Amino acid sequence: MGNVLNLKTAFMTPLIKLIIKHPKLMESKIFLRAMLIFPEKISKTYDARVKDSDIDYQAALSYGLSLIGNKPLKILDLCTGTGFAALMALKHFPDAFVTGVDQSRTMIEMANSKVDPLDADRIKFDFGNAAKLDYEDEAFDLVTTSNAPVYLAEAARVLRHGGDIIATYSLGGDAFLSARNEIESLLNENGLYLIDLKKVDKGAVIHGGK
């Protein structure tokens, strides 16, 4: 297990650093195409892989949600996948309405299948692209994302002034810490500011504000 984790970390670290230093790569045709195809290919086995993994996928996200001192009423989870982060946010903030968005229809179907009927009026999953969101400006109090690229301009646009953004990652914690200055600059360039950047388990939490 340790060797597998080391290999994953060795792969993720340079990738994280590359994207942070060159965020325009996320707008390239190759990257956008990969983000369209890859989730569909892993959708049916994703939950099983997370369950059987030697990585704690909940650690960073749980810590990130605990940082939110206010009580957000409208939460958006970007690149929600099978709804992992959205459903955790739903439990953490019992008064909130949570919207998850993803461009994989299969992932959205799987996320919907996990919703408890008692929570059906508090959460929904939309088909959409995180790089071009179909939501109004300043529509959400909290924006979250877990283990996914973040299109900060769009995330900032739909986040209200005074709101929070939480980006969590299960791997690459040291890489994020070493890129603190670049991350802070990227947030500032998009009208956001860095509140906290912390390594949690093997991953990291980025907490920003608007």
N, C-alpha and C. Protein backbone atom coordinates (compact mmCIF):
# COMPACT_ATOMS: atom_id res chain seq x y z
N MET A 1 0.83 -1.21 0.00
CA MET A 1 0.00 0.00 0.00
C MET A 1 0.86 1.26 0.00
N GLY A 2 1.93 1.23 0.81
CA GLY A 2 2.79 2.40 0.90
C GLY A 2 3.44 2.75 -0.41
N ASN A 3 3.88 1.71 -1.16
CA ASN A 3 4.52 1.96 -2.46
C ASN A 3 3.54 2.57 -3.45
N VAL A 4 2.28 2.10 -3.40
CA VAL A 4 1.26 2.66 -4.30
C VAL A 4 1.03 4.12 -3.98
N LEU A 5 0.93 4.45 -2.68
CA LEU A 5 0.72 5.83 -2.27
C LEU A 5 1.90 6.70 -2.69
N ASN A 6 3.11 6.18 -2.55
CA ASN A 6 4.30 6.94 -2.95
C ASN A 6 4.29 7.22 -4.44
N LEU A 7 3.85 6.25 -5.24
CA LEU A 7 3.78 6.44 -6.69
C LEU A 7 2.75 7.50 -7.05
N LYS A 8 1.60 7.45 -6.37
CA LYS A 8 0.55 8.44 -6.63
C LYS A 8 1.05 9.84 -6.27
N THR A 9 1.72 9.95 -5.13
CA THR A 9 2.24 11.24 -4.69
C THR A 9 3.30 11.75 -5.66
N ALA A 10 4.17 10.85 -6.10
CA ALA A 10 5.23 11.23 -7.03
C ALA A 10 4.66 11.74 -8.35
N PHE A 11 3.52 11.18 -8.76
CA PHE A 11 2.88 11.63 -10.00
C PHE A 11 2.13 12.94 -9.80
N MET A 12 1.42 13.05 -8.68
CA MET A 12 0.58 14.21 -8.45
C MET A 12 1.37 15.47 -8.18
N THR A 13 2.48 15.36 -7.45
CA THR A 13 3.23 16.54 -7.03
C THR A 13 3.68 17.41 -8.21
N PRO A 14 4.37 16.85 -9.22
CA PRO A 14 4.76 17.71 -10.35
C PRO A 14 3.56 18.23 -11.15
N LEU A 15 2.47 17.43 -11.21
CA LEU A 15 1.28 17.87 -11.94
C LEU A 15 0.64 19.06 -11.25
N ILE A 16 0.54 18.99 -9.92
CA ILE A 16 -0.03 20.09 -9.15
C ILE A 16 0.79 21.36 -9.35
N LYS A 17 2.10 21.22 -9.24
CA LYS A 17 2.98 22.38 -9.38
C LYS A 17 2.88 22.98 -10.78
N LEU A 18 2.77 22.13 -11.78
CA LEU A 18 2.67 22.60 -13.17
C LEU A 18 1.40 23.41 -13.38
N ILE A 19 0.27 22.91 -12.89
CA ILE A 19 -1.01 23.59 -13.09
C ILE A 19 -1.06 24.90 -12.30
N ILE A 20 -0.50 24.89 -11.08
CA ILE A 20 -0.51 26.12 -10.28
C ILE A 20 0.35 27.20 -10.94
N LYS A 21 1.49 26.80 -11.48
CA LYS A 21 2.38 27.77 -12.12
C LYS A 21 1.88 28.19 -13.49
N HIS A 22 1.11 27.31 -14.16
CA HIS A 22 0.60 27.60 -15.50
C HIS A 22 -0.89 27.29 -15.58
N PRO A 23 -1.73 28.06 -14.90
CA PRO A 23 -3.17 27.76 -14.84
C PRO A 23 -3.87 27.79 -16.19
N LYS A 24 -3.27 28.47 -17.17
CA LYS A 24 -3.87 28.53 -18.51
C LYS A 24 -3.93 27.15 -19.16
N LEU A 25 -3.12 26.21 -18.63
CA LEU A 25 -3.16 24.85 -19.17
C LEU A 25 -4.55 24.24 -19.03
N MET A 26 -5.29 24.67 -18.02
CA MET A 26 -6.64 24.13 -17.80
C MET A 26 -7.62 24.57 -18.88
N GLU A 27 -7.21 25.57 -19.67
CA GLU A 27 -8.07 26.05 -20.75
C GLU A 27 -7.68 25.45 -22.10
N SER A 28 -6.64 24.61 -22.11
CA SER A 28 -6.19 24.01 -23.37
C SER A 28 -7.17 22.94 -23.83
N LYS A 29 -7.21 22.70 -25.13
CA LYS A 29 -8.14 21.71 -25.69
C LYS A 29 -7.86 20.32 -25.14
N ILE A 30 -6.59 19.99 -24.97
CA ILE A 30 -6.23 18.66 -24.48
C ILE A 30 -6.73 18.46 -23.05
N PHE A 31 -6.51 19.46 -22.20
CA PHE A 31 -6.94 19.36 -20.80
C PHE A 31 -8.46 19.28 -20.71
N LEU A 32 -9.16 20.15 -21.43
CA LEU A 32 -10.62 20.16 -21.39
C LEU A 32 -11.19 18.85 -21.91
N ARG A 33 -10.55 18.30 -22.94
CA ARG A 33 -11.00 17.02 -23.50
C ARG A 33 -10.80 15.90 -22.48
N ALA A 34 -9.66 15.92 -21.81
CA ALA A 34 -9.38 14.90 -20.79
C ALA A 34 -10.39 14.98 -19.65
N MET A 35 -10.73 16.19 -19.24
CA MET A 35 -11.69 16.37 -18.15
C MET A 35 -13.11 15.95 -18.56
N LEU A 36 -13.34 15.89 -19.85
CA LEU A 36 -14.64 15.45 -20.35
C LEU A 36 -14.72 13.93 -20.42
N ILE A 37 -13.61 13.30 -20.83
CA ILE A 37 -13.59 11.85 -21.03
C ILE A 37 -13.28 11.08 -19.76
N PHE A 38 -12.29 11.54 -18.99
CA PHE A 38 -11.81 10.78 -17.84
C PHE A 38 -12.90 10.48 -16.81
N PRO A 39 -13.70 11.47 -16.39
CA PRO A 39 -14.74 11.16 -15.38
C PRO A 39 -15.72 10.09 -15.84
N GLU A 40 -16.08 10.11 -17.12
CA GLU A 40 -17.00 9.09 -17.62
C GLU A 40 -16.39 7.70 -17.52
N LYS A 41 -15.10 7.60 -17.79
CA LYS A 41 -14.44 6.30 -17.79
C LYS A 41 -14.31 5.71 -16.40
N ILE A 42 -14.14 6.57 -15.39
CA ILE A 42 -13.95 6.06 -14.03
C ILE A 42 -15.22 6.07 -13.19
N SER A 43 -16.31 6.60 -13.75
CA SER A 43 -17.52 6.83 -12.96
C SER A 43 -18.06 5.57 -12.28
N LYS A 44 -18.08 4.46 -12.99
CA LYS A 44 -18.70 3.26 -12.45
C LYS A 44 -17.87 2.58 -11.37
N THR A 45 -16.58 2.86 -11.34
CA THR A 45 -15.71 2.22 -10.35
C THR A 45 -15.16 3.21 -9.33
N TYR A 46 -15.53 4.49 -9.45
CA TYR A 46 -14.93 5.52 -8.61
C TYR A 46 -15.19 5.30 -7.12
N ASP A 47 -16.43 5.08 -6.76
CA ASP A 47 -16.77 4.92 -5.35
C ASP A 47 -16.07 3.72 -4.73
N ALA A 48 -15.99 2.62 -5.48
CA ALA A 48 -15.33 1.42 -4.97
C ALA A 48 -13.84 1.68 -4.77
N ARG A 49 -13.23 2.43 -5.68
CA ARG A 49 -11.81 2.75 -5.55
C ARG A 49 -11.55 3.63 -4.34
N VAL A 50 -12.43 4.58 -4.10
CA VAL A 50 -12.28 5.45 -2.93
C VAL A 50 -12.41 4.63 -1.65
N LYS A 51 -13.39 3.74 -1.62
CA LYS A 51 -13.63 2.91 -0.44
C LYS A 51 -12.45 2.01 -0.13
N ASP A 52 -11.82 1.45 -1.17
CA ASP A 52 -10.73 0.49 -0.98
C ASP A 52 -9.36 1.15 -0.96
N SER A 53 -9.31 2.46 -1.11
CA SER A 53 -8.04 3.16 -1.22
C SER A 53 -7.33 3.25 0.13
N ASP A 54 -6.00 3.38 0.06
CA ASP A 54 -5.21 3.62 1.27
C ASP A 54 -5.13 5.11 1.58
N ILE A 55 -5.83 5.92 0.81
CA ILE A 55 -5.87 7.38 1.01
C ILE A 55 -7.17 7.74 1.73
N ASP A 56 -7.08 8.63 2.71
CA ASP A 56 -8.27 9.10 3.42
C ASP A 56 -8.87 10.27 2.64
N TYR A 57 -9.92 9.98 1.89
CA TYR A 57 -10.54 11.00 1.04
C TYR A 57 -11.40 11.98 1.84
N GLN A 58 -11.71 11.63 3.09
CA GLN A 58 -12.56 12.50 3.90
C GLN A 58 -11.78 13.52 4.72
N ALA A 59 -10.53 13.24 5.01
CA ALA A 59 -9.77 14.04 5.98
C ALA A 59 -9.72 15.51 5.63
N ALA A 60 -9.23 15.83 4.43
CA ALA A 60 -9.07 17.23 4.04
C ALA A 60 -10.42 17.93 3.92
N LEU A 61 -11.39 17.24 3.33
CA LEU A 61 -12.71 17.84 3.15
C LEU A 61 -13.39 18.12 4.48
N SER A 62 -13.32 17.15 5.39
CA SER A 62 -13.93 17.33 6.71
C SER A 62 -13.30 18.51 7.44
N TYR A 63 -11.99 18.61 7.36
CA TYR A 63 -11.32 19.75 8.00
C TYR A 63 -11.71 21.06 7.33
N GLY A 64 -11.76 21.05 6.01
CA GLY A 64 -12.12 22.27 5.29
C GLY A 64 -13.50 22.78 5.65
N LEU A 65 -14.47 21.88 5.74
CA LEU A 65 -15.83 22.29 6.10
C LEU A 65 -15.88 22.83 7.53
N SER A 66 -15.02 22.31 8.40
CA SER A 66 -15.01 22.77 9.79
C SER A 66 -14.48 24.20 9.92
N LEU A 67 -13.82 24.71 8.89
CA LEU A 67 -13.26 26.06 8.93
C LEU A 67 -14.32 27.14 8.73
N ILE A 68 -15.48 26.74 8.21
CA ILE A 68 -16.52 27.73 7.90
C ILE A 68 -17.26 28.08 9.17
N GLY A 69 -17.03 29.29 9.65
CA GLY A 69 -17.61 29.72 10.92
C GLY A 69 -19.05 30.18 10.80
N ASN A 70 -19.43 30.68 9.60
CA ASN A 70 -20.81 31.13 9.44
C ASN A 70 -21.70 29.95 9.05
N LYS A 71 -22.93 30.22 8.73
CA LYS A 71 -23.86 29.16 8.34
C LYS A 71 -24.35 29.42 6.92
N PRO A 72 -23.63 28.93 5.93
CA PRO A 72 -24.03 29.16 4.55
C PRO A 72 -25.39 28.52 4.24
N LEU A 73 -26.21 29.25 3.51
CA LEU A 73 -27.53 28.74 3.15
C LEU A 73 -27.56 28.18 1.74
N LYS A 74 -26.64 28.64 0.90
CA LYS A 74 -26.57 28.14 -0.47
C LYS A 74 -25.13 27.73 -0.76
N ILE A 75 -24.95 26.44 -1.06
CA ILE A 75 -23.62 25.87 -1.28
C ILE A 75 -23.54 25.29 -2.68
N LEU A 76 -22.43 25.54 -3.36
CA LEU A 76 -22.19 24.96 -4.67
C LEU A 76 -20.95 24.08 -4.59
N ASP A 77 -21.09 22.83 -5.02
CA ASP A 77 -19.96 21.92 -5.08
C ASP A 77 -19.57 21.71 -6.54
N LEU A 78 -18.38 22.18 -6.90
CA LEU A 78 -17.90 22.10 -8.28
C LEU A 78 -17.29 20.74 -8.57
N CYS A 79 -17.49 20.25 -9.80
CA CYS A 79 -16.95 18.94 -10.21
C CYS A 79 -17.33 17.90 -9.16
N THR A 80 -18.60 17.83 -8.88
CA THR A 80 -19.11 17.05 -7.74
C THR A 80 -18.93 15.55 -7.90
N GLY A 81 -18.75 15.06 -9.12
CA GLY A 81 -18.56 13.63 -9.33
C GLY A 81 -19.76 12.84 -8.84
N THR A 82 -19.50 11.86 -7.99
CA THR A 82 -20.60 11.03 -7.46
C THR A 82 -21.21 11.64 -6.21
N GLY A 83 -20.91 12.91 -5.95
CA GLY A 83 -21.59 13.64 -4.88
C GLY A 83 -20.92 13.56 -3.52
N PHE A 84 -19.71 13.06 -3.46
CA PHE A 84 -19.00 12.87 -2.20
C PHE A 84 -18.96 14.13 -1.35
N ALA A 85 -18.42 15.22 -1.91
CA ALA A 85 -18.28 16.47 -1.15
C ALA A 85 -19.63 17.14 -0.91
N ALA A 86 -20.50 17.10 -1.89
CA ALA A 86 -21.82 17.73 -1.75
C ALA A 86 -22.61 17.10 -0.61
N LEU A 87 -22.56 15.78 -0.51
CA LEU A 87 -23.31 15.09 0.53
C LEU A 87 -22.68 15.33 1.91
N MET A 88 -21.37 15.46 1.96
CA MET A 88 -20.72 15.80 3.24
C MET A 88 -21.11 17.21 3.68
N ALA A 89 -21.17 18.14 2.71
CA ALA A 89 -21.57 19.51 3.04
C ALA A 89 -23.01 19.54 3.52
N LEU A 90 -23.85 18.72 2.94
CA LEU A 90 -25.26 18.65 3.34
C LEU A 90 -25.39 18.25 4.81
N LYS A 91 -24.59 17.27 5.22
CA LYS A 91 -24.63 16.83 6.62
C LYS A 91 -24.03 17.87 7.56
N HIS A 92 -22.99 18.55 7.08
CA HIS A 92 -22.30 19.51 7.94
C HIS A 92 -23.10 20.78 8.18
N PHE A 93 -23.89 21.17 7.16
CA PHE A 93 -24.69 22.39 7.26
C PHE A 93 -26.18 22.05 7.07
N PRO A 94 -26.85 21.67 8.13
CA PRO A 94 -28.23 21.17 8.04
C PRO A 94 -29.26 22.18 7.56
N ASP A 95 -28.91 23.47 7.58
CA ASP A 95 -29.87 24.49 7.12
C ASP A 95 -29.62 24.92 5.67
N ALA A 96 -28.64 24.33 5.03
CA ALA A 96 -28.24 24.78 3.69
C ALA A 96 -28.92 23.98 2.58
N PHE A 97 -28.97 24.63 1.41
CA PHE A 97 -29.36 23.93 0.18
C PHE A 97 -28.09 23.76 -0.64
N VAL A 98 -27.81 22.53 -1.05
CA VAL A 98 -26.56 22.21 -1.74
C VAL A 98 -26.83 21.87 -3.20
N THR A 99 -26.04 22.48 -4.08
CA THR A 99 -26.09 22.18 -5.50
C THR A 99 -24.74 21.60 -5.92
N GLY A 100 -24.77 20.43 -6.53
CA GLY A 100 -23.56 19.84 -7.09
C GLY A 100 -23.62 19.93 -8.60
N VAL A 101 -22.49 20.23 -9.23
CA VAL A 101 -22.47 20.35 -10.68
C VAL A 101 -21.31 19.54 -11.25
N ASP A 102 -21.57 18.85 -12.35
CA ASP A 102 -20.54 18.04 -12.99
C ASP A 102 -20.91 17.88 -14.47
N GLN A 103 -19.88 17.70 -15.30
CA GLN A 103 -20.15 17.53 -16.73
C GLN A 103 -20.19 16.06 -17.16
N SER A 104 -20.18 15.16 -16.20
CA SER A 104 -20.38 13.74 -16.48
C SER A 104 -21.80 13.35 -16.08
N ARG A 105 -22.58 13.00 -17.07
CA ARG A 105 -23.97 12.62 -16.77
C ARG A 105 -24.04 11.34 -15.94
N THR A 106 -23.08 10.44 -16.17
CA THR A 106 -23.06 9.20 -15.39
C THR A 106 -22.77 9.50 -13.93
N MET A 107 -21.82 10.40 -13.68
CA MET A 107 -21.52 10.80 -12.30
C MET A 107 -22.75 11.42 -11.64
N ILE A 108 -23.45 12.27 -12.38
CA ILE A 108 -24.64 12.92 -11.84
C ILE A 108 -25.71 11.89 -11.47
N GLU A 109 -25.89 10.89 -12.33
CA GLU A 109 -26.87 9.84 -12.04
C GLU A 109 -26.50 9.09 -10.76
N MET A 110 -25.21 8.82 -10.59
CA MET A 110 -24.77 8.11 -9.40
C MET A 110 -24.95 8.97 -8.15
N ALA A 111 -24.67 10.27 -8.28
CA ALA A 111 -24.85 11.18 -7.15
C ALA A 111 -26.32 11.22 -6.73
N ASN A 112 -27.21 11.33 -7.70
CA ASN A 112 -28.64 11.37 -7.40
C ASN A 112 -29.11 10.10 -6.70
N SER A 113 -28.50 8.97 -7.05
CA SER A 113 -28.92 7.69 -6.46
C SER A 113 -28.57 7.60 -4.98
N LYS A 114 -27.67 8.46 -4.51
CA LYS A 114 -27.23 8.43 -3.11
C LYS A 114 -28.08 9.32 -2.20
N VAL A 115 -28.90 10.16 -2.77
CA VAL A 115 -29.65 11.13 -1.97
C VAL A 115 -30.75 10.44 -1.18
N ASP A 116 -30.74 10.65 0.11
CA ASP A 116 -31.81 10.15 0.97
C ASP A 116 -33.10 10.90 0.63
N PRO A 117 -34.20 10.18 0.46
CA PRO A 117 -35.48 10.85 0.14
C PRO A 117 -35.83 11.97 1.11
N LEU A 118 -35.39 11.84 2.36
CA LEU A 118 -35.66 12.88 3.36
C LEU A 118 -34.89 14.17 3.08
N ASP A 119 -33.82 14.06 2.28
CA ASP A 119 -33.01 15.23 1.95
C ASP A 119 -33.24 15.74 0.53
N ALA A 120 -34.20 15.16 -0.15
CA ALA A 120 -34.39 15.47 -1.56
C ALA A 120 -34.71 16.94 -1.83
N ASP A 121 -35.28 17.63 -0.84
CA ASP A 121 -35.62 19.04 -1.03
C ASP A 121 -34.48 19.96 -0.59
N ARG A 122 -33.32 19.38 -0.23
CA ARG A 122 -32.19 20.19 0.22
C ARG A 122 -30.95 20.04 -0.66
N ILE A 123 -31.04 19.22 -1.70
CA ILE A 123 -29.87 19.01 -2.54
C ILE A 123 -30.31 18.69 -3.97
N LYS A 124 -29.52 19.14 -4.93
CA LYS A 124 -29.77 18.78 -6.32
C LYS A 124 -28.42 18.68 -7.03
N PHE A 125 -28.41 17.92 -8.12
CA PHE A 125 -27.21 17.76 -8.92
C PHE A 125 -27.51 18.18 -10.36
N ASP A 126 -26.72 19.13 -10.84
CA ASP A 126 -26.92 19.68 -12.18
C ASP A 126 -25.82 19.22 -13.13
N PHE A 127 -26.19 19.03 -14.38
CA PHE A 127 -25.21 18.80 -15.44
C PHE A 127 -24.67 20.16 -15.88
N GLY A 128 -23.36 20.33 -15.85
CA GLY A 128 -22.78 21.62 -16.23
C GLY A 128 -21.27 21.60 -16.18
N ASN A 129 -20.68 22.66 -16.69
CA ASN A 129 -19.23 22.78 -16.80
C ASN A 129 -18.72 23.80 -15.79
N ALA A 130 -17.76 23.39 -14.96
CA ALA A 130 -17.21 24.28 -13.93
C ALA A 130 -16.48 25.47 -14.53
N ALA A 131 -16.07 25.36 -15.78
CA ALA A 131 -15.37 26.46 -16.44
C ALA A 131 -16.34 27.50 -17.00
N LYS A 132 -17.63 27.15 -17.06
CA LYS A 132 -18.64 28.07 -17.58
C LYS A 132 -19.97 27.72 -16.91
N LEU A 133 -20.15 28.25 -15.73
CA LEU A 133 -21.30 27.89 -14.91
C LEU A 133 -22.57 28.60 -15.32
N ASP A 134 -23.67 27.91 -15.21
CA ASP A 134 -24.97 28.46 -15.59
C ASP A 134 -25.71 28.94 -14.34
N TYR A 135 -25.02 29.76 -13.54
CA TYR A 135 -25.63 30.32 -12.33
C TYR A 135 -25.39 31.83 -12.31
N GLU A 136 -26.27 32.53 -11.61
CA GLU A 136 -26.16 33.99 -11.53
C GLU A 136 -24.96 34.40 -10.68
N ASP A 137 -24.53 35.65 -10.87
CA ASP A 137 -23.45 36.20 -10.06
C ASP A 137 -23.84 36.18 -8.58
N GLU A 138 -22.87 35.88 -7.74
CA GLU A 138 -23.03 35.93 -6.28
C GLU A 138 -24.24 35.13 -5.79
N ALA A 139 -24.43 33.95 -6.39
CA ALA A 139 -25.59 33.13 -6.04
C ALA A 139 -25.36 32.23 -4.83
N PHE A 140 -24.09 32.05 -4.41
CA PHE A 140 -23.79 31.07 -3.37
C PHE A 140 -22.98 31.68 -2.23
N ASP A 141 -23.23 31.16 -1.03
CA ASP A 141 -22.51 31.60 0.17
C ASP A 141 -21.19 30.84 0.34
N LEU A 142 -21.15 29.63 -0.18
CA LEU A 142 -19.97 28.77 -0.05
C LEU A 142 -19.80 27.97 -1.33
N VAL A 143 -18.58 27.95 -1.85
CA VAL A 143 -18.23 27.12 -3.00
C VAL A 143 -17.19 26.11 -2.55
N THR A 144 -17.45 24.84 -2.85
CA THR A 144 -16.51 23.79 -2.49
C THR A 144 -16.09 23.01 -3.73
N THR A 145 -14.96 22.35 -3.62
CA THR A 145 -14.54 21.41 -4.64
C THR A 145 -13.55 20.46 -4.02
N SER A 146 -13.54 19.22 -4.47
CA SER A 146 -12.67 18.20 -3.89
C SER A 146 -11.97 17.41 -4.98
N ASN A 147 -10.64 17.44 -4.96
CA ASN A 147 -9.83 16.67 -5.91
C ASN A 147 -10.18 16.98 -7.36
N ALA A 148 -10.27 18.27 -7.66
CA ALA A 148 -10.61 18.68 -9.02
C ALA A 148 -9.94 20.01 -9.34
N PRO A 149 -9.70 20.27 -10.62
CA PRO A 149 -9.17 21.59 -11.00
C PRO A 149 -10.20 22.67 -10.72
N VAL A 150 -9.74 23.85 -10.36
CA VAL A 150 -10.65 24.94 -10.01
C VAL A 150 -10.51 26.08 -11.02
N TYR A 151 -11.62 26.43 -11.64
CA TYR A 151 -11.64 27.60 -12.53
C TYR A 151 -12.05 28.78 -11.67
N LEU A 152 -11.04 29.47 -11.16
CA LEU A 152 -11.26 30.47 -10.12
C LEU A 152 -12.14 31.63 -10.56
N ALA A 153 -12.02 32.04 -11.81
CA ALA A 153 -12.82 33.18 -12.28
C ALA A 153 -14.31 32.88 -12.14
N GLU A 154 -14.72 31.68 -12.52
CA GLU A 154 -16.12 31.30 -12.43
C GLU A 154 -16.54 31.07 -10.98
N ALA A 155 -15.67 30.42 -10.21
CA ALA A 155 -15.98 30.20 -8.80
C ALA A 155 -16.18 31.53 -8.08
N ALA A 156 -15.32 32.50 -8.38
CA ALA A 156 -15.42 33.82 -7.74
C ALA A 156 -16.67 34.56 -8.20
N ARG A 157 -17.03 34.38 -9.45
CA ARG A 157 -18.20 35.09 -9.99
C ARG A 157 -19.48 34.69 -9.28
N VAL A 158 -19.63 33.38 -9.01
CA VAL A 158 -20.89 32.91 -8.42
C VAL A 158 -20.88 32.97 -6.89
N LEU A 159 -19.74 33.35 -6.31
CA LEU A 159 -19.62 33.45 -4.85
C LEU A 159 -19.97 34.86 -4.40
N ARG A 160 -20.80 34.97 -3.39
CA ARG A 160 -21.18 36.29 -2.91
C ARG A 160 -20.03 36.94 -2.15
N HIS A 161 -20.06 38.26 -2.05
CA HIS A 161 -19.08 38.98 -1.24
C HIS A 161 -19.27 38.59 0.22
N GLY A 162 -18.18 38.25 0.87
CA GLY A 162 -18.23 37.75 2.23
C GLY A 162 -18.32 36.24 2.30
N GLY A 163 -18.42 35.58 1.14
CA GLY A 163 -18.52 34.12 1.10
C GLY A 163 -17.17 33.44 1.15
N ASP A 164 -17.19 32.12 1.22
CA ASP A 164 -15.98 31.31 1.33
C ASP A 164 -15.86 30.33 0.18
N ILE A 165 -14.62 29.99 -0.14
CA ILE A 165 -14.35 28.92 -1.09
C ILE A 165 -13.40 27.95 -0.43
N ILE A 166 -13.72 26.67 -0.53
CA ILE A 166 -12.90 25.61 0.05
C ILE A 166 -12.53 24.63 -1.06
N ALA A 167 -11.23 24.50 -1.32
CA ALA A 167 -10.73 23.52 -2.27
C ALA A 167 -9.89 22.51 -1.50
N THR A 168 -10.25 21.23 -1.58
CA THR A 168 -9.55 20.22 -0.81
C THR A 168 -8.98 19.14 -1.74
N TYR A 169 -7.86 18.59 -1.32
CA TYR A 169 -7.17 17.58 -2.11
C TYR A 169 -6.66 16.48 -1.18
N SER A 170 -6.78 15.24 -1.62
CA SER A 170 -6.41 14.10 -0.79
C SER A 170 -4.94 13.73 -0.91
N LEU A 171 -4.26 14.27 -1.90
CA LEU A 171 -2.84 14.02 -2.13
C LEU A 171 -2.12 15.33 -2.43
N GLY A 172 -0.81 15.29 -2.38
CA GLY A 172 -0.01 16.44 -2.80
C GLY A 172 0.08 17.57 -1.81
N GLY A 173 -0.11 17.27 -0.52
CA GLY A 173 -0.10 18.32 0.48
C GLY A 173 1.15 19.18 0.47
N ASP A 174 2.31 18.54 0.38
CA ASP A 174 3.56 19.29 0.39
C ASP A 174 3.70 20.18 -0.85
N ALA A 175 3.19 19.69 -1.98
CA ALA A 175 3.26 20.48 -3.22
C ALA A 175 2.45 21.76 -3.09
N PHE A 176 1.28 21.67 -2.48
CA PHE A 176 0.46 22.86 -2.28
C PHE A 176 1.12 23.83 -1.32
N LEU A 177 1.70 23.32 -0.24
CA LEU A 177 2.37 24.20 0.71
C LEU A 177 3.53 24.94 0.07
N SER A 178 4.29 24.25 -0.78
CA SER A 178 5.45 24.88 -1.41
C SER A 178 5.04 25.91 -2.47
N ALA A 179 3.78 25.84 -2.90
CA ALA A 179 3.29 26.78 -3.91
C ALA A 179 2.37 27.84 -3.30
N ARG A 180 2.53 28.10 -2.02
CA ARG A 180 1.64 29.03 -1.31
C ARG A 180 1.59 30.40 -2.00
N ASN A 181 2.74 30.95 -2.36
CA ASN A 181 2.77 32.29 -2.97
C ASN A 181 2.01 32.32 -4.29
N GLU A 182 2.20 31.27 -5.10
CA GLU A 182 1.49 31.21 -6.39
C GLU A 182 -0.01 31.08 -6.19
N ILE A 183 -0.41 30.26 -5.21
CA ILE A 183 -1.83 30.09 -4.92
C ILE A 183 -2.46 31.39 -4.45
N GLU A 184 -1.74 32.08 -3.57
CA GLU A 184 -2.26 33.36 -3.07
C GLU A 184 -2.39 34.37 -4.21
N SER A 185 -1.44 34.38 -5.13
CA SER A 185 -1.50 35.30 -6.27
C SER A 185 -2.67 34.97 -7.19
N LEU A 186 -2.90 33.67 -7.44
CA LEU A 186 -4.01 33.25 -8.29
C LEU A 186 -5.35 33.67 -7.68
N LEU A 187 -5.49 33.50 -6.39
CA LEU A 187 -6.72 33.92 -5.72
C LEU A 187 -6.91 35.43 -5.86
N ASN A 188 -5.86 36.18 -5.60
CA ASN A 188 -5.94 37.64 -5.69
C ASN A 188 -6.30 38.11 -7.09
N GLU A 189 -5.75 37.44 -8.10
CA GLU A 189 -6.03 37.82 -9.48
C GLU A 189 -7.50 37.63 -9.85
N ASN A 190 -8.18 36.80 -9.09
CA ASN A 190 -9.59 36.51 -9.37
C ASN A 190 -10.54 37.09 -8.33
N GLY A 191 -10.07 38.11 -7.61
CA GLY A 191 -10.93 38.80 -6.66
C GLY A 191 -11.15 38.06 -5.36
N LEU A 192 -10.26 37.11 -5.05
CA LEU A 192 -10.37 36.33 -3.82
C LEU A 192 -9.11 36.56 -2.98
N TYR A 193 -9.14 36.10 -1.75
CA TYR A 193 -7.96 36.21 -0.91
C TYR A 193 -7.78 34.92 -0.11
N LEU A 194 -6.54 34.63 0.23
CA LEU A 194 -6.23 33.40 0.96
C LEU A 194 -6.45 33.59 2.46
N ILE A 195 -7.26 32.72 3.04
CA ILE A 195 -7.48 32.73 4.48
C ILE A 195 -6.57 31.71 5.15
N ASP A 196 -6.49 30.53 4.56
CA ASP A 196 -5.67 29.48 5.16
C ASP A 196 -5.27 28.45 4.11
N LEU A 197 -4.08 27.91 4.27
CA LEU A 197 -3.58 26.82 3.43
C LEU A 197 -2.91 25.84 4.38
N LYS A 198 -3.43 24.65 4.45
CA LYS A 198 -2.95 23.71 5.46
C LYS A 198 -2.85 22.30 4.89
N LYS A 199 -1.78 21.62 5.25
CA LYS A 199 -1.66 20.20 4.91
C LYS A 199 -2.50 19.39 5.88
N VAL A 200 -3.33 18.51 5.35
CA VAL A 200 -4.17 17.65 6.18
C VAL A 200 -3.96 16.22 5.70
N ASP A 201 -3.49 15.36 6.58
CA ASP A 201 -3.14 14.00 6.22
C ASP A 201 -2.14 14.06 5.05
N LYS A 202 -2.41 13.39 3.93
CA LYS A 202 -1.52 13.45 2.78
C LYS A 202 -1.88 14.58 1.82
N GLY A 203 -3.01 15.24 2.08
CA GLY A 203 -3.53 16.24 1.17
C GLY A 203 -3.44 17.66 1.70
N ALA A 204 -4.33 18.51 1.20
CA ALA A 204 -4.29 19.93 1.59
C ALA A 204 -5.67 20.55 1.51
N VAL A 205 -5.82 21.63 2.26
CA VAL A 205 -7.03 22.45 2.24
C VAL A 205 -6.65 23.87 1.90
N ILE A 206 -7.32 24.43 0.90
CA ILE A 206 -7.17 25.83 0.56
C ILE A 206 -8.47 26.53 0.92
N HIS A 207 -8.41 27.49 1.83
CA HIS A 207 -9.59 28.25 2.25
C HIS A 207 -9.43 29.68 1.80
N GLY A 208 -10.33 30.10 0.94
CA GLY A 208 -10.29 31.47 0.45
C GLY A 208 -11.56 32.22 0.77
N GLY A 209 -11.52 33.51 0.62
CA GLY A 209 -12.69 34.35 0.85
C GLY A 209 -12.84 35.38 -0.24
N LYS A 210 -14.01 35.99 -0.29
CA LYS A 210 -14.28 37.04 -1.28
C LYS A 210 -14.78 38.29 -0.56
